[in-house]
Amino acid sequence: RNINLEDQIQSAVNDYYRTQKTALFLTENDTF
């Protein structure tokens, strides 16, 4: 928002959310 890229927020939020879910899934299934 501070750099006037409001139109990028939805895709950024989606990517962040998908990444967090993937990271949690892999952390639970891969020790390393």
PDB file of all heavy atoms in Angstrom:
ATOM      1  N   ARG A   1       0.840  -1.197   0.000  1.00  0.00           N
ATOM      2  CA  ARG A   1       0.000   0.000   0.000  1.00  0.00           C
ATOM      3  C   ARG A   1       0.880   1.255   0.000  1.00  0.00           C
ATOM      4  O   ARG A   1       0.575   2.233  -0.681  1.00  0.00           O
ATOM      5  CB  ARG A   1      -0.924   0.003   1.211  1.00  0.00           C
ATOM      6  CG  ARG A   1      -1.988  -1.095   1.183  1.00  0.00           C
ATOM      7  CD  ARG A   1      -3.128  -0.781   2.132  1.00  0.00           C
ATOM      8  NE  ARG A   1      -4.043  -1.902   2.259  1.00  0.00           N
ATOM      9  CZ  ARG A   1      -4.974  -2.223   1.367  1.00  0.00           C
ATOM     10  NH1 ARG A   1      -5.096  -1.503   0.266  1.00  0.00           N
ATOM     11  NH2 ARG A   1      -5.773  -3.255   1.573  1.00  0.00           N
ATOM     12  N   ASN A   2       1.966   1.206   0.759  1.00  0.00           N
ATOM     13  CA  ASN A   2       2.837   2.380   0.874  1.00  0.00           C
ATOM     14  C   ASN A   2       3.563   2.724  -0.417  1.00  0.00           C
ATOM     15  O   ASN A   2       3.992   3.862  -0.617  1.00  0.00           O
ATOM     16  CB  ASN A   2       3.859   2.176   1.997  1.00  0.00           C
ATOM     17  CG  ASN A   2       3.228   2.259   3.372  1.00  0.00           C
ATOM     18  OD1 ASN A   2       2.159   2.853   3.534  1.00  0.00           O
ATOM     19  ND2 ASN A   2       3.859   1.650   4.360  1.00  0.00           N
ATOM     20  N   ILE A   3       3.715   1.753  -1.302  1.00  0.00           N
ATOM     21  CA  ILE A   3       4.376   2.056  -2.591  1.00  0.00           C
ATOM     22  C   ILE A   3       3.361   2.018  -3.742  1.00  0.00           C
ATOM     23  O   ILE A   3       3.702   1.817  -4.905  1.00  0.00           O
ATOM     24  CB  ILE A   3       5.556   1.095  -2.864  1.00  0.00           C
ATOM     25  CG1 ILE A   3       5.093  -0.353  -2.955  1.00  0.00           C
ATOM     26  CG2 ILE A   3       6.639   1.253  -1.793  1.00  0.00           C
ATOM     27  CD1 ILE A   3       6.196  -1.328  -3.380  1.00  0.00           C
ATOM     28  N   ASN A   4       2.081   2.192  -3.367  1.00  0.00           N
ATOM     29  CA  ASN A   4       0.996   2.338  -4.356  1.00  0.00           C
ATOM     30  C   ASN A   4       0.840   1.116  -5.274  1.00  0.00           C
ATOM     31  O   ASN A   4       0.651   1.249  -6.485  1.00  0.00           O
ATOM     32  CB  ASN A   4       1.213   3.594  -5.200  1.00  0.00           C
ATOM     33  CG  ASN A   4       1.259   4.853  -4.366  1.00  0.00           C
ATOM     34  OD1 ASN A   4       0.669   4.916  -3.285  1.00  0.00           O
ATOM     35  ND2 ASN A   4       1.971   5.870  -4.837  1.00  0.00           N
ATOM     36  N   LEU A   5       0.927  -0.071  -4.668  1.00  0.00           N
ATOM     37  CA  LEU A   5       0.735  -1.295  -5.455  1.00  0.00           C
ATOM     38  C   LEU A   5      -0.452  -2.093  -4.899  1.00  0.00           C
ATOM     39  O   LEU A   5      -0.376  -3.298  -4.691  1.00  0.00           O
ATOM     40  CB  LEU A   5       2.002  -2.159  -5.436  1.00  0.00           C
ATOM     41  CG  LEU A   5       3.151  -1.698  -6.337  1.00  0.00           C
ATOM     42  CD1 LEU A   5       4.350  -2.635  -6.205  1.00  0.00           C
ATOM     43  CD2 LEU A   5       2.703  -1.619  -7.798  1.00  0.00           C
ATOM     44  N   GLU A   6      -1.562  -1.382  -4.682  1.00  0.00           N
ATOM     45  CA  GLU A   6      -2.760  -2.033  -4.159  1.00  0.00           C
ATOM     46  C   GLU A   6      -3.238  -3.163  -5.070  1.00  0.00           C
ATOM     47  O   GLU A   6      -3.796  -4.158  -4.599  1.00  0.00           O
ATOM     48  CB  GLU A   6      -3.895  -1.021  -3.980  1.00  0.00           C
ATOM     49  CG  GLU A   6      -3.733  -0.100  -2.776  1.00  0.00           C
ATOM     50  CD  GLU A   6      -2.863   1.108  -3.083  1.00  0.00           C
ATOM     51  OE1 GLU A   6      -2.306   1.167  -4.206  1.00  0.00           O
ATOM     52  OE2 GLU A   6      -2.731   1.989  -2.207  1.00  0.00           O
ATOM     53  N   ASP A   7      -3.037  -3.009  -6.378  1.00  0.00           N
ATOM     54  CA  ASP A   7      -3.514  -4.022  -7.319  1.00  0.00           C
ATOM     55  C   ASP A   7      -2.721  -5.330  -7.240  1.00  0.00           C
ATOM     56  O   ASP A   7      -3.111  -6.340  -7.831  1.00  0.00           O
ATOM     57  CB  ASP A   7      -3.481  -3.484  -8.753  1.00  0.00           C
ATOM     58  CG  ASP A   7      -2.084  -3.083  -9.203  1.00  0.00           C
ATOM     59  OD1 ASP A   7      -1.223  -2.833  -8.328  1.00  0.00           O
ATOM     60  OD2 ASP A   7      -1.848  -3.008 -10.422  1.00  0.00           O
ATOM     61  N   GLN A   8      -1.614  -5.312  -6.498  1.00  0.00           N
ATOM     62  CA  GLN A   8      -0.807  -6.521  -6.338  1.00  0.00           C
ATOM     63  C   GLN A   8      -1.107  -7.266  -5.037  1.00  0.00           C
ATOM     64  O   GLN A   8      -0.584  -8.362  -4.807  1.00  0.00           O
ATOM     65  CB  GLN A   8       0.692  -6.146  -6.354  1.00  0.00           C
ATOM     66  CG  GLN A   8       1.181  -5.561  -7.658  1.00  0.00           C
ATOM     67  CD  GLN A   8       1.075  -6.550  -8.804  1.00  0.00           C
ATOM     68  OE1 GLN A   8       1.528  -7.686  -8.696  1.00  0.00           O
ATOM     69  NE2 GLN A   8       0.469  -6.117  -9.900  1.00  0.00           N
ATOM     70  N   ILE A   9      -1.948  -6.667  -4.190  1.00  0.00           N
ATOM     71  CA  ILE A   9      -2.142  -7.226  -2.851  1.00  0.00           C
ATOM     72  C   ILE A   9      -2.830  -8.586  -2.885  1.00  0.00           C
ATOM     73  O   ILE A   9      -2.428  -9.514  -2.173  1.00  0.00           O
ATOM     74  CB  ILE A   9      -2.927  -6.229  -1.966  1.00  0.00           C
ATOM     75  CG1 ILE A   9      -2.052  -5.002  -1.682  1.00  0.00           C
ATOM     76  CG2 ILE A   9      -3.360  -6.894  -0.654  1.00  0.00           C
ATOM     77  CD1 ILE A   9      -2.733  -3.912  -0.879  1.00  0.00           C
ATOM     78  N   GLN A  10      -3.853  -8.743  -3.708  1.00  0.00           N
ATOM     79  CA  GLN A  10      -4.572 -10.030  -3.730  1.00  0.00           C
ATOM     80  C   GLN A  10      -3.653 -11.178  -4.130  1.00  0.00           C
ATOM     81  O   GLN A  10      -3.637 -12.235  -3.478  1.00  0.00           O
ATOM     82  CB  GLN A  10      -5.758  -9.969  -4.690  1.00  0.00           C
ATOM     83  CG  GLN A  10      -6.598 -11.259  -4.719  1.00  0.00           C
ATOM     84  CD  GLN A  10      -7.256 -11.565  -3.385  1.00  0.00           C
ATOM     85  OE1 GLN A  10      -8.144 -10.854  -2.956  1.00  0.00           O
ATOM     86  NE2 GLN A  10      -6.834 -12.640  -2.712  1.00  0.00           N
ATOM     87  N   SER A  11      -2.873 -10.998  -5.177  1.00  0.00           N
ATOM     88  CA  SER A  11      -1.969 -12.072  -5.600  1.00  0.00           C
ATOM     89  C   SER A  11      -0.897 -12.319  -4.545  1.00  0.00           C
ATOM     90  O   SER A  11      -0.496 -13.464  -4.307  1.00  0.00           O
ATOM     91  CB  SER A  11      -1.334 -11.747  -6.952  1.00  0.00           C
ATOM     92  OG  SER A  11      -0.587 -10.547  -6.888  1.00  0.00           O
ATOM     93  N   ALA A  12      -0.435 -11.238  -3.886  1.00  0.00           N
ATOM     94  CA  ALA A  12       0.586 -11.383  -2.837  1.00  0.00           C
ATOM     95  C   ALA A  12       0.029 -12.165  -1.655  1.00  0.00           C
ATOM     96  O   ALA A  12       0.696 -13.062  -1.110  1.00  0.00           O
ATOM     97  CB  ALA A  12       1.073 -10.010  -2.387  1.00  0.00           C
ATOM     98  N   VAL A  13      -1.191 -11.836  -1.256  1.00  0.00           N
ATOM     99  CA  VAL A  13      -1.834 -12.535  -0.140  1.00  0.00           C
ATOM    100  C   VAL A  13      -2.031 -14.011  -0.476  1.00  0.00           C
ATOM    101  O   VAL A  13      -1.796 -14.898   0.354  1.00  0.00           O
ATOM    102  CB  VAL A  13      -3.181 -11.857   0.205  1.00  0.00           C
ATOM    103  CG1 VAL A  13      -4.055 -12.765   1.037  1.00  0.00           C
ATOM    104  CG2 VAL A  13      -2.932 -10.550   0.948  1.00  0.00           C
ATOM    105  N   ASN A  14      -2.471 -14.308  -1.699  1.00  0.00           N
ATOM    106  CA  ASN A  14      -2.650 -15.702  -2.117  1.00  0.00           C
ATOM    107  C   ASN A  14      -1.331 -16.470  -2.055  1.00  0.00           C
ATOM    108  O   ASN A  14      -1.264 -17.583  -1.539  1.00  0.00           O
ATOM    109  CB  ASN A  14      -3.211 -15.767  -3.535  1.00  0.00           C
ATOM    110  CG  ASN A  14      -4.679 -15.398  -3.595  1.00  0.00           C
ATOM    111  OD1 ASN A  14      -5.378 -15.405  -2.585  1.00  0.00           O
ATOM    112  ND2 ASN A  14      -5.162 -15.075  -4.779  1.00  0.00           N
ATOM    113  N   ASP A  15      -0.267 -15.871  -2.602  1.00  0.00           N
ATOM    114  CA  ASP A  15       1.039 -16.536  -2.614  1.00  0.00           C
ATOM    115  C   ASP A  15       1.559 -16.756  -1.195  1.00  0.00           C
ATOM    116  O   ASP A  15       2.112 -17.814  -0.888  1.00  0.00           O
ATOM    117  CB  ASP A  15       2.056 -15.712  -3.411  1.00  0.00           C
ATOM    118  CG  ASP A  15       1.816 -15.780  -4.909  1.00  0.00           C
ATOM    119  OD1 ASP A  15       1.225 -16.772  -5.366  1.00  0.00           O
ATOM    120  OD2 ASP A  15       2.228 -14.854  -5.619  1.00  0.00           O
ATOM    121  N   TYR A  16       1.383 -15.763  -0.348  1.00  0.00           N
ATOM    122  CA  TYR A  16       1.830 -15.878   1.043  1.00  0.00           C
ATOM    123  C   TYR A  16       1.081 -17.013   1.742  1.00  0.00           C
ATOM    124  O   TYR A  16       1.692 -17.858   2.414  1.00  0.00           O
ATOM    125  CB  TYR A  16       1.593 -14.556   1.772  1.00  0.00           C
ATOM    126  CG  TYR A  16       1.972 -14.580   3.240  1.00  0.00           C
ATOM    127  CD1 TYR A  16       3.282 -14.322   3.647  1.00  0.00           C
ATOM    128  CD2 TYR A  16       1.018 -14.862   4.219  1.00  0.00           C
ATOM    129  CE1 TYR A  16       3.632 -14.340   4.992  1.00  0.00           C
ATOM    130  CE2 TYR A  16       1.362 -14.896   5.562  1.00  0.00           C
ATOM    131  CZ  TYR A  16       2.665 -14.622   5.946  1.00  0.00           C
ATOM    132  OH  TYR A  16       3.006 -14.664   7.268  1.00  0.00           O
ATOM    133  N   TYR A  17      -0.239 -17.046   1.572  1.00  0.00           N
ATOM    134  CA  TYR A  17      -1.082 -18.046   2.224  1.00  0.00           C
ATOM    135  C   TYR A  17      -0.727 -19.456   1.732  1.00  0.00           C
ATOM    136  O   TYR A  17      -0.580 -20.397   2.531  1.00  0.00           O
ATOM    137  CB  TYR A  17      -2.543 -17.726   1.917  1.00  0.00           C
ATOM    138  CG  TYR A  17      -3.555 -18.669   2.520  1.00  0.00           C
ATOM    139  CD1 TYR A  17      -3.660 -18.817   3.900  1.00  0.00           C
ATOM    140  CD2 TYR A  17      -4.421 -19.396   1.710  1.00  0.00           C
ATOM    141  CE1 TYR A  17      -4.609 -19.673   4.460  1.00  0.00           C
ATOM    142  CE2 TYR A  17      -5.365 -20.254   2.256  1.00  0.00           C
ATOM    143  CZ  TYR A  17      -5.445 -20.386   3.622  1.00  0.00           C
ATOM    144  OH  TYR A  17      -6.380 -21.227   4.171  1.00  0.00           O
ATOM    145  N   ARG A  18      -0.568 -19.611   0.411  1.00  0.00           N
ATOM    146  CA  ARG A  18      -0.232 -20.915  -0.150  1.00  0.00           C
ATOM    147  C   ARG A  18       1.136 -21.391   0.331  1.00  0.00           C
ATOM    148  O   ARG A  18       1.340 -22.577   0.606  1.00  0.00           O
ATOM    149  CB  ARG A  18      -0.255 -20.833  -1.679  1.00  0.00           C
ATOM    150  CG  ARG A  18      -1.639 -20.555  -2.257  1.00  0.00           C
ATOM    151  CD  ARG A  18      -1.575 -20.050  -3.678  1.00  0.00           C
ATOM    152  NE  ARG A  18      -2.907 -19.711  -4.178  1.00  0.00           N
ATOM    153  CZ  ARG A  18      -3.135 -19.064  -5.306  1.00  0.00           C
ATOM    154  NH1 ARG A  18      -2.114 -18.665  -6.064  1.00  0.00           N
ATOM    155  NH2 ARG A  18      -4.375 -18.804  -5.683  1.00  0.00           N
ATOM    156  N   THR A  19       2.062 -20.448   0.446  1.00  0.00           N
ATOM    157  CA  THR A  19       3.408 -20.785   0.899  1.00  0.00           C
ATOM    158  C   THR A  19       3.412 -21.224   2.352  1.00  0.00           C
ATOM    159  O   THR A  19       4.077 -22.199   2.729  1.00  0.00           O
ATOM    160  CB  THR A  19       4.350 -19.569   0.712  1.00  0.00           C
ATOM    161  OG1 THR A  19       4.410 -19.259  -0.682  1.00  0.00           O
ATOM    162  CG2 THR A  19       5.745 -19.854   1.229  1.00  0.00           C
ATOM    163  N   GLN A  20       2.665 -20.513   3.193  1.00  0.00           N
ATOM    164  CA  GLN A  20       2.618 -20.873   4.602  1.00  0.00           C
ATOM    165  C   GLN A  20       2.010 -22.267   4.798  1.00  0.00           C
ATOM    166  O   GLN A  20       2.502 -23.059   5.613  1.00  0.00           O
ATOM    167  CB  GLN A  20       1.804 -19.836   5.387  1.00  0.00           C
ATOM    168  CG  GLN A  20       2.417 -18.445   5.425  1.00  0.00           C
ATOM    169  CD  GLN A  20       3.809 -18.443   6.041  1.00  0.00           C
ATOM    170  OE1 GLN A  20       4.034 -19.036   7.086  1.00  0.00           O
ATOM    171  NE2 GLN A  20       4.742 -17.771   5.388  1.00  0.00           N
ATOM    172  N   LYS A  21       0.962 -22.578   4.046  1.00  0.00           N
ATOM    173  CA  LYS A  21       0.335 -23.891   4.162  1.00  0.00           C
ATOM    174  C   LYS A  21       1.273 -24.991   3.660  1.00  0.00           C
ATOM    175  O   LYS A  21       1.365 -26.073   4.251  1.00  0.00           O
ATOM    176  CB  LYS A  21      -0.990 -23.929   3.388  1.00  0.00           C
ATOM    177  CG  LYS A  21      -2.071 -23.050   3.974  1.00  0.00           C
ATOM    178  CD  LYS A  21      -3.446 -23.375   3.420  1.00  0.00           C
ATOM    179  CE  LYS A  21      -3.980 -24.675   3.950  1.00  0.00           C
ATOM    180  NZ  LYS A  21      -5.396 -24.905   3.593  1.00  0.00           N
ATOM    181  N   THR A  22       1.990 -24.704   2.570  1.00  0.00           N
ATOM    182  CA  THR A  22       2.941 -25.680   2.039  1.00  0.00           C
ATOM    183  C   THR A  22       4.089 -25.901   3.008  1.00  0.00           C
ATOM    184  O   THR A  22       4.504 -27.047   3.251  1.00  0.00           O
ATOM    185  CB  THR A  22       3.499 -25.195   0.683  1.00  0.00           C
ATOM    186  OG1 THR A  22       2.418 -24.986  -0.231  1.00  0.00           O
ATOM    187  CG2 THR A  22       4.458 -26.219   0.094  1.00  0.00           C
ATOM    188  N   ALA A  23       4.595 -24.818   3.587  1.00  0.00           N
ATOM    189  CA  ALA A  23       5.710 -24.927   4.538  1.00  0.00           C
ATOM    190  C   ALA A  23       5.296 -25.723   5.767  1.00  0.00           C
ATOM    191  O   ALA A  23       6.059 -26.566   6.267  1.00  0.00           O
ATOM    192  CB  ALA A  23       6.190 -23.539   4.936  1.00  0.00           C
ATOM    193  N   LEU A  24       4.085 -25.490   6.260  1.00  0.00           N
ATOM    194  CA  LEU A  24       3.591 -26.228   7.426  1.00  0.00           C
ATOM    195  C   LEU A  24       3.454 -27.710   7.098  1.00  0.00           C
ATOM    196  O   LEU A  24       3.854 -28.578   7.878  1.00  0.00           O
ATOM    197  CB  LEU A  24       2.245 -25.658   7.874  1.00  0.00           C
ATOM    198  CG  LEU A  24       1.578 -26.355   9.074  1.00  0.00           C
ATOM    199  CD1 LEU A  24       2.467 -26.280  10.301  1.00  0.00           C
ATOM    200  CD2 LEU A  24       0.215 -25.732   9.347  1.00  0.00           C
ATOM    201  N   PHE A  25       2.911 -27.990   5.927  1.00  0.00           N
ATOM    202  CA  PHE A  25       2.738 -29.378   5.479  1.00  0.00           C
ATOM    203  C   PHE A  25       4.081 -30.099   5.395  1.00  0.00           C
ATOM    204  O   PHE A  25       4.243 -31.222   5.889  1.00  0.00           O
ATOM    205  CB  PHE A  25       2.049 -29.385   4.109  1.00  0.00           C
ATOM    206  CG  PHE A  25       1.972 -30.735   3.460  1.00  0.00           C
ATOM    207  CD1 PHE A  25       0.977 -31.634   3.811  1.00  0.00           C
ATOM    208  CD2 PHE A  25       2.897 -31.114   2.495  1.00  0.00           C
ATOM    209  CE1 PHE A  25       0.910 -32.884   3.210  1.00  0.00           C
ATOM    210  CE2 PHE A  25       2.834 -32.358   1.895  1.00  0.00           C
ATOM    211  CZ  PHE A  25       1.827 -33.247   2.260  1.00  0.00           C
ATOM    212  N   LEU A  26       5.087 -29.433   4.799  1.00  0.00           N
ATOM    213  CA  LEU A  26       6.400 -30.063   4.633  1.00  0.00           C
ATOM    214  C   LEU A  26       7.139 -30.190   5.955  1.00  0.00           C
ATOM    215  O   LEU A  26       7.840 -31.176   6.191  1.00  0.00           O
ATOM    216  CB  LEU A  26       7.233 -29.266   3.632  1.00  0.00           C
ATOM    217  CG  LEU A  26       6.764 -29.380   2.179  1.00  0.00           C
ATOM    218  CD1 LEU A  26       7.510 -28.399   1.285  1.00  0.00           C
ATOM    219  CD2 LEU A  26       6.964 -30.800   1.665  1.00  0.00           C
ATOM    220  N   THR A  27       6.979 -29.213   6.824  1.00  0.00           N
ATOM    221  CA  THR A  27       7.633 -29.277   8.136  1.00  0.00           C
ATOM    222  C   THR A  27       7.128 -30.474   8.932  1.00  0.00           C
ATOM    223  O   THR A  27       7.898 -31.126   9.644  1.00  0.00           O
ATOM    224  CB  THR A  27       7.377 -27.977   8.930  1.00  0.00           C
ATOM    225  OG1 THR A  27       7.896 -26.865   8.196  1.00  0.00           O
ATOM    226  CG2 THR A  27       8.054 -28.024  10.289  1.00  0.00           C
ATOM    227  N   GLU A  28       5.859 -30.785   8.775  1.00  0.00           N
ATOM    228  CA  GLU A  28       5.273 -31.917   9.493  1.00  0.00           C
ATOM    229  C   GLU A  28       5.710 -33.252   8.908  1.00  0.00           C
ATOM    230  O   GLU A  28       5.665 -34.277   9.587  1.00  0.00           O
ATOM    231  CB  GLU A  28       3.743 -31.829   9.464  1.00  0.00           C
ATOM    232  CG  GLU A  28       3.184 -30.669  10.284  1.00  0.00           C
ATOM    233  CD  GLU A  28       1.685 -30.520  10.112  1.00  0.00           C
ATOM    234  OE1 GLU A  28       1.128 -31.110   9.160  1.00  0.00           O
ATOM    235  OE2 GLU A  28       1.066 -29.816  10.929  1.00  0.00           O
ATOM    236  N   ASN A  29       6.150 -33.245   7.632  1.00  0.00           N
ATOM    237  CA  ASN A  29       6.451 -34.494   6.945  1.00  0.00           C
ATOM    238  C   ASN A  29       7.921 -34.685   6.598  1.00  0.00           C
ATOM    239  O   ASN A  29       8.298 -35.750   6.099  1.00  0.00           O
ATOM    240  CB  ASN A  29       5.612 -34.589   5.656  1.00  0.00           C
ATOM    241  CG  ASN A  29       4.136 -34.775   5.942  1.00  0.00           C
ATOM    242  OD1 ASN A  29       3.693 -35.870   6.252  1.00  0.00           O
ATOM    243  ND2 ASN A  29       3.377 -33.693   5.864  1.00  0.00           N
ATOM    244  N   ASP A  30       8.752 -33.674   6.826  1.00  0.00           N
ATOM    245  CA  ASP A  30      10.169 -33.755   6.485  1.00  0.00           C
ATOM    246  C   ASP A  30      10.978 -33.146   7.619  1.00  0.00           C
ATOM    247  O   ASP A  30      10.926 -31.936   7.859  1.00  0.00           O
ATOM    248  CB  ASP A  30      10.429 -33.020   5.162  1.00  0.00           C
ATOM    249  CG  ASP A  30      11.879 -33.110   4.703  1.00  0.00           C
ATOM    250  OD1 ASP A  30      12.745 -33.537   5.498  1.00  0.00           O
ATOM    251  OD2 ASP A  30      12.157 -32.746   3.552  1.00  0.00           O
ATOM    252  N   THR A  31      11.758 -33.974   8.295  1.00  0.00           N
ATOM    253  CA  THR A  31      12.528 -33.541   9.465  1.00  0.00           C
ATOM    254  C   THR A  31      13.485 -32.401   9.139  1.00  0.00           C
ATOM    255  O   THR A  31      13.735 -31.523   9.974  1.00  0.00           O
ATOM    256  CB  THR A  31      13.326 -34.731  10.040  1.00  0.00           C
ATOM    257  OG1 THR A  31      12.436 -35.816  10.285  1.00  0.00           O
ATOM    258  CG2 THR A  31      14.039 -34.347  11.328  1.00  0.00           C
ATOM    259  N   PHE A  32      14.022 -32.386   7.917  1.00  0.00           N
ATOM    260  CA  PHE A  32      15.061 -31.429   7.557  1.00  0.00           C
ATOM    261  C   PHE A  32      14.522 -30.182   6.861  1.00  0.00           C
ATOM    262  O   PHE A  32      15.285 -29.265   6.562  1.00  0.00           O
ATOM    263  CB  PHE A  32      16.103 -32.104   6.641  1.00  0.00           C
ATOM    264  CG  PHE A  32      16.715 -33.331   7.256  1.00  0.00           C
ATOM    265  CD1 PHE A  32      16.327 -34.593   6.844  1.00  0.00           C
ATOM    266  CD2 PHE A  32      17.664 -33.226   8.265  1.00  0.00           C
ATOM    267  CE1 PHE A  32      16.884 -35.730   7.408  1.00  0.00           C
ATOM    268  CE2 PHE A  32      18.226 -34.361   8.835  1.00  0.00           C
ATOM    269  CZ  PHE A  32      17.832 -35.614   8.409  1.00  0.00           C
TER     270      PHE A  32
END
